[in-house]
Amino acid sequence: MGLLAFLFVIGLLLLTLWFLKSKTALGGSSGKTNMRVIDTLRIDPKNRVCVLAYGDRRLLLGISPSAITLLDSQDLDPAEFASEPAESALNKPAFRQQLGALLNQRKD
């Protein structure tokens, strides 16, 4: 009787873990995703700025412990969208330089 109860509890535990893995972030991404992190800049130990490519858009996000804020959003060119990130990175300045130029423009 005790063995049967033990097996029942183990079965429920396995069923619960399977459900969590398939329905939540515990399981990671299931299949292909069209979102990728292009670059991240840590501003201080708790805050950072991140550039994401999502579909045909590029998003600039400000990330803090309590919030994620959309700072900017741009449409990607079809040629840029199809190219590899390493190839496009050779022709563009680094994210840190782009962010610095943008912040300097706002100061003026």
N, C-alpha and C. Protein backbone atom coordinates (compact mmCIF):
# COMPACT_ATOMS: atom_id res chain seq x y z
N MET A 1 0.82 -1.20 0.00
CA MET A 1 0.00 0.00 0.00
C MET A 1 0.87 1.27 0.00
N GLY A 2 1.93 1.24 0.84
CA GLY A 2 2.82 2.39 0.92
C GLY A 2 3.59 2.59 -0.39
N LEU A 3 3.98 1.49 -1.04
CA LEU A 3 4.70 1.58 -2.31
C LEU A 3 3.82 2.17 -3.40
N LEU A 4 2.55 1.79 -3.40
CA LEU A 4 1.61 2.32 -4.38
C LEU A 4 1.43 3.84 -4.21
N ALA A 5 1.34 4.30 -2.99
CA ALA A 5 1.21 5.74 -2.72
C ALA A 5 2.47 6.48 -3.15
N PHE A 6 3.64 5.87 -2.88
CA PHE A 6 4.91 6.48 -3.28
C PHE A 6 4.99 6.62 -4.80
N LEU A 7 4.62 5.58 -5.53
CA LEU A 7 4.65 5.64 -7.00
C LEU A 7 3.66 6.66 -7.54
N PHE A 8 2.52 6.79 -6.89
CA PHE A 8 1.52 7.79 -7.29
C PHE A 8 2.07 9.20 -7.13
N VAL A 9 2.73 9.48 -6.02
CA VAL A 9 3.31 10.80 -5.77
C VAL A 9 4.43 11.09 -6.77
N ILE A 10 5.27 10.13 -7.05
CA ILE A 10 6.35 10.31 -8.04
C ILE A 10 5.74 10.58 -9.42
N GLY A 11 4.70 9.86 -9.78
CA GLY A 11 4.04 10.09 -11.06
C GLY A 11 3.45 11.49 -11.16
N LEU A 12 2.82 11.96 -10.08
CA LEU A 12 2.30 13.34 -10.07
C LEU A 12 3.41 14.36 -10.20
N LEU A 13 4.53 14.11 -9.53
CA LEU A 13 5.67 15.01 -9.62
C LEU A 13 6.20 15.08 -11.05
N LEU A 14 6.35 13.94 -11.70
CA LEU A 14 6.82 13.92 -13.09
C LEU A 14 5.84 14.61 -14.03
N LEU A 15 4.56 14.38 -13.82
CA LEU A 15 3.54 15.04 -14.63
C LEU A 15 3.57 16.56 -14.46
N THR A 16 3.76 17.01 -13.23
CA THR A 16 3.85 18.45 -12.95
C THR A 16 5.08 19.05 -13.61
N LEU A 17 6.22 18.38 -13.52
CA LEU A 17 7.44 18.88 -14.16
C LEU A 17 7.30 18.94 -15.67
N TRP A 18 6.69 17.94 -16.25
CA TRP A 18 6.46 17.96 -17.70
C TRP A 18 5.57 19.14 -18.10
N PHE A 19 4.51 19.36 -17.33
CA PHE A 19 3.60 20.48 -17.62
C PHE A 19 4.33 21.81 -17.52
N LEU A 20 5.11 22.01 -16.46
CA LEU A 20 5.85 23.26 -16.31
C LEU A 20 6.84 23.47 -17.44
N LYS A 21 7.51 22.42 -17.84
CA LYS A 21 8.49 22.53 -18.92
C LYS A 21 7.84 22.90 -20.24
N SER A 22 6.67 22.36 -20.51
CA SER A 22 6.03 22.60 -21.79
C SER A 22 5.27 23.92 -21.85
N LYS A 23 4.86 24.48 -20.72
CA LYS A 23 4.01 25.66 -20.72
C LYS A 23 4.66 26.93 -20.20
N THR A 24 5.85 26.86 -19.65
CA THR A 24 6.47 28.05 -19.06
C THR A 24 7.88 28.24 -19.57
N ALA A 25 8.53 29.27 -19.05
CA ALA A 25 9.90 29.59 -19.43
C ALA A 25 10.89 28.54 -18.94
N LEU A 26 10.46 27.65 -18.07
CA LEU A 26 11.33 26.59 -17.59
C LEU A 26 11.85 25.72 -18.72
N GLY A 27 11.05 25.58 -19.78
CA GLY A 27 11.43 24.73 -20.89
C GLY A 27 12.24 25.42 -21.96
N GLY A 28 12.46 26.71 -21.86
CA GLY A 28 13.19 27.42 -22.90
C GLY A 28 12.30 27.65 -24.10
N SER A 29 12.92 27.96 -25.23
CA SER A 29 12.14 28.22 -26.44
C SER A 29 11.85 26.90 -27.14
N SER A 30 10.64 26.76 -27.59
CA SER A 30 10.28 25.55 -28.32
C SER A 30 10.19 25.88 -29.80
N GLY A 31 11.23 25.56 -30.53
CA GLY A 31 11.24 25.87 -31.95
C GLY A 31 12.07 27.10 -32.24
N LYS A 32 11.95 27.58 -33.48
CA LYS A 32 12.72 28.75 -33.89
C LYS A 32 12.08 30.01 -33.35
N THR A 33 12.91 30.95 -32.99
CA THR A 33 12.44 32.25 -32.55
C THR A 33 13.03 33.30 -33.47
N ASN A 34 12.29 34.34 -33.74
CA ASN A 34 12.81 35.39 -34.61
C ASN A 34 13.26 36.58 -33.78
N MET A 35 13.67 36.33 -32.55
CA MET A 35 14.20 37.38 -31.69
C MET A 35 15.63 37.03 -31.32
N ARG A 36 16.52 38.02 -31.42
CA ARG A 36 17.91 37.79 -31.01
C ARG A 36 18.47 39.07 -30.41
N VAL A 37 19.37 38.90 -29.47
CA VAL A 37 20.05 40.03 -28.83
C VAL A 37 21.22 40.42 -29.71
N ILE A 38 21.22 41.68 -30.15
CA ILE A 38 22.31 42.16 -31.00
C ILE A 38 23.46 42.66 -30.15
N ASP A 39 23.15 43.49 -29.14
CA ASP A 39 24.20 44.03 -28.29
C ASP A 39 23.61 44.45 -26.96
N THR A 40 24.46 44.46 -25.93
CA THR A 40 24.06 44.88 -24.59
C THR A 40 25.15 45.75 -24.01
N LEU A 41 24.74 46.82 -23.34
CA LEU A 41 25.69 47.72 -22.68
C LEU A 41 25.26 47.87 -21.24
N ARG A 42 26.13 47.47 -20.31
CA ARG A 42 25.84 47.60 -18.89
C ARG A 42 26.17 49.03 -18.47
N ILE A 43 25.17 49.74 -17.94
CA ILE A 43 25.35 51.12 -17.53
C ILE A 43 25.89 51.18 -16.10
N ASP A 44 25.36 50.39 -15.22
CA ASP A 44 25.85 50.22 -13.86
C ASP A 44 25.50 48.80 -13.43
N PRO A 45 25.81 48.40 -12.21
CA PRO A 45 25.57 47.01 -11.84
C PRO A 45 24.12 46.54 -11.98
N LYS A 46 23.16 47.45 -11.94
CA LYS A 46 21.76 47.03 -11.99
C LYS A 46 21.05 47.39 -13.28
N ASN A 47 21.58 48.29 -14.09
CA ASN A 47 20.88 48.78 -15.28
C ASN A 47 21.70 48.53 -16.53
N ARG A 48 20.97 48.25 -17.63
CA ARG A 48 21.66 48.05 -18.90
C ARG A 48 20.75 48.48 -20.05
N VAL A 49 21.37 48.67 -21.20
CA VAL A 49 20.67 48.99 -22.44
C VAL A 49 20.92 47.83 -23.39
N CYS A 50 19.87 47.40 -24.07
CA CYS A 50 19.96 46.21 -24.91
C CYS A 50 19.32 46.50 -26.27
N VAL A 51 19.94 46.01 -27.34
CA VAL A 51 19.38 46.11 -28.68
C VAL A 51 18.93 44.71 -29.09
N LEU A 52 17.65 44.59 -29.47
CA LEU A 52 17.08 43.33 -29.91
C LEU A 52 16.63 43.44 -31.35
N ALA A 53 16.80 42.38 -32.10
CA ALA A 53 16.17 42.28 -33.42
C ALA A 53 14.99 41.34 -33.24
N TYR A 54 13.80 41.82 -33.58
CA TYR A 54 12.59 41.03 -33.42
C TYR A 54 11.78 41.16 -34.70
N GLY A 55 11.68 40.05 -35.43
CA GLY A 55 10.98 40.11 -36.71
C GLY A 55 11.73 41.04 -37.64
N ASP A 56 11.04 42.05 -38.14
CA ASP A 56 11.68 43.03 -39.03
C ASP A 56 11.89 44.36 -38.32
N ARG A 57 12.02 44.32 -36.99
CA ARG A 57 12.21 45.53 -36.21
C ARG A 57 13.45 45.41 -35.33
N ARG A 58 14.05 46.54 -35.01
CA ARG A 58 15.15 46.61 -34.06
C ARG A 58 14.67 47.45 -32.89
N LEU A 59 14.80 46.91 -31.69
CA LEU A 59 14.30 47.57 -30.49
C LEU A 59 15.47 47.93 -29.57
N LEU A 60 15.46 49.14 -29.03
CA LEU A 60 16.42 49.59 -28.03
C LEU A 60 15.68 49.61 -26.70
N LEU A 61 16.11 48.77 -25.76
CA LEU A 61 15.43 48.63 -24.48
C LEU A 61 16.31 49.08 -23.34
N GLY A 62 15.73 49.80 -22.39
CA GLY A 62 16.38 50.12 -21.14
C GLY A 62 15.88 49.12 -20.11
N ILE A 63 16.80 48.41 -19.45
CA ILE A 63 16.42 47.34 -18.54
C ILE A 63 16.95 47.67 -17.15
N SER A 64 16.03 47.74 -16.19
CA SER A 64 16.37 47.96 -14.78
C SER A 64 15.76 46.81 -13.98
N PRO A 65 16.08 46.71 -12.69
CA PRO A 65 15.50 45.63 -11.89
C PRO A 65 13.97 45.67 -11.81
N SER A 66 13.39 46.85 -11.95
CA SER A 66 11.94 46.95 -11.77
C SER A 66 11.16 47.18 -13.06
N ALA A 67 11.83 47.45 -14.18
CA ALA A 67 11.10 47.75 -15.41
C ALA A 67 11.95 47.52 -16.64
N ILE A 68 11.26 47.33 -17.76
CA ILE A 68 11.88 47.29 -19.09
C ILE A 68 11.18 48.37 -19.90
N THR A 69 11.97 49.33 -20.43
CA THR A 69 11.41 50.48 -21.14
C THR A 69 11.87 50.47 -22.59
N LEU A 70 10.93 50.65 -23.51
CA LEU A 70 11.26 50.77 -24.92
C LEU A 70 11.79 52.18 -25.16
N LEU A 71 13.07 52.29 -25.54
CA LEU A 71 13.69 53.59 -25.77
C LEU A 71 13.58 54.01 -27.22
N ASP A 72 13.69 53.07 -28.14
CA ASP A 72 13.62 53.39 -29.56
C ASP A 72 13.24 52.12 -30.33
N SER A 73 12.66 52.32 -31.51
CA SER A 73 12.27 51.21 -32.36
C SER A 73 12.50 51.62 -33.80
N GLN A 74 13.11 50.74 -34.59
CA GLN A 74 13.38 51.03 -36.00
C GLN A 74 13.01 49.82 -36.84
N ASP A 75 12.60 50.10 -38.08
CA ASP A 75 12.38 49.02 -39.04
C ASP A 75 13.73 48.63 -39.61
N LEU A 76 13.94 47.33 -39.81
CA LEU A 76 15.16 46.85 -40.43
C LEU A 76 15.03 46.88 -41.95
N ASP A 77 16.10 47.21 -42.62
CA ASP A 77 16.13 47.11 -44.08
C ASP A 77 16.11 45.64 -44.45
N PRO A 78 15.44 45.27 -45.56
CA PRO A 78 15.42 43.86 -45.95
C PRO A 78 16.82 43.29 -46.17
N ALA A 79 17.74 44.08 -46.71
CA ALA A 79 19.11 43.59 -46.94
C ALA A 79 19.80 43.34 -45.61
N GLU A 80 19.59 44.23 -44.65
CA GLU A 80 20.21 44.08 -43.34
C GLU A 80 19.59 42.91 -42.58
N PHE A 81 18.30 42.72 -42.76
CA PHE A 81 17.59 41.64 -42.07
C PHE A 81 18.09 40.28 -42.55
N ALA A 82 18.41 40.16 -43.82
CA ALA A 82 18.85 38.89 -44.39
C ALA A 82 20.32 38.61 -44.12
N SER A 83 21.11 39.65 -43.87
CA SER A 83 22.55 39.44 -43.70
C SER A 83 22.85 38.87 -42.33
N GLU A 84 24.02 38.27 -42.22
CA GLU A 84 24.46 37.71 -40.95
C GLU A 84 24.89 38.84 -40.02
N PRO A 85 24.73 38.70 -38.71
CA PRO A 85 25.13 39.74 -37.77
C PRO A 85 26.62 40.04 -37.82
N ALA A 86 27.46 39.03 -38.00
CA ALA A 86 28.90 39.27 -38.05
C ALA A 86 29.28 40.09 -39.28
N GLU A 87 28.62 39.86 -40.39
CA GLU A 87 28.91 40.60 -41.61
C GLU A 87 28.48 42.05 -41.49
N SER A 88 27.30 42.30 -40.91
CA SER A 88 26.82 43.67 -40.78
C SER A 88 27.59 44.42 -39.70
N ALA A 89 28.15 43.71 -38.72
CA ALA A 89 28.90 44.36 -37.66
C ALA A 89 30.22 44.94 -38.18
N LEU A 90 30.76 44.37 -39.26
CA LEU A 90 32.00 44.89 -39.81
C LEU A 90 31.82 46.27 -40.42
N ASN A 91 30.64 46.57 -40.95
CA ASN A 91 30.40 47.82 -41.65
C ASN A 91 29.82 48.91 -40.75
N LYS A 92 29.51 48.59 -39.50
CA LYS A 92 28.86 49.55 -38.62
C LYS A 92 29.73 49.82 -37.40
N PRO A 93 29.59 51.04 -36.84
CA PRO A 93 30.32 51.29 -35.59
C PRO A 93 29.72 50.47 -34.45
N ALA A 94 30.48 50.30 -33.41
CA ALA A 94 30.03 49.50 -32.27
C ALA A 94 28.84 50.17 -31.59
N PHE A 95 28.07 49.37 -30.89
CA PHE A 95 26.89 49.86 -30.19
C PHE A 95 27.25 50.96 -29.21
N ARG A 96 28.35 50.78 -28.51
CA ARG A 96 28.80 51.77 -27.52
C ARG A 96 29.03 53.12 -28.20
N GLN A 97 29.62 53.12 -29.39
CA GLN A 97 29.87 54.36 -30.12
C GLN A 97 28.56 54.98 -30.59
N GLN A 98 27.63 54.16 -31.07
CA GLN A 98 26.34 54.68 -31.51
C GLN A 98 25.56 55.29 -30.34
N LEU A 99 25.58 54.63 -29.20
CA LEU A 99 24.88 55.14 -28.03
C LEU A 99 25.52 56.43 -27.55
N GLY A 100 26.85 56.48 -27.53
CA GLY A 100 27.55 57.71 -27.13
C GLY A 100 27.22 58.88 -28.04
N ALA A 101 27.17 58.63 -29.35
CA ALA A 101 26.82 59.70 -30.30
C ALA A 101 25.38 60.16 -30.07
N LEU A 102 24.47 59.24 -29.81
CA LEU A 102 23.08 59.60 -29.56
C LEU A 102 22.95 60.42 -28.28
N LEU A 103 23.65 60.02 -27.23
CA LEU A 103 23.58 60.77 -25.98
C LEU A 103 24.21 62.16 -26.13
N ASN A 104 25.28 62.26 -26.90
CA ASN A 104 25.88 63.58 -27.14
C ASN A 104 24.97 64.49 -27.93
N GLN A 105 24.20 63.93 -28.86
CA GLN A 105 23.24 64.74 -29.62
C GLN A 105 22.15 65.30 -28.71
N ARG A 106 21.72 64.51 -27.76
CA ARG A 106 20.65 64.94 -26.84
C ARG A 106 21.15 66.03 -25.90
N LYS A 107 22.43 66.02 -25.57
CA LYS A 107 22.99 67.05 -24.67
C LYS A 107 23.05 68.40 -25.36
N ASP A 108 23.26 68.38 -26.69
CA ASP A 108 23.39 69.65 -27.44
C ASP A 108 22.09 70.36 -27.63
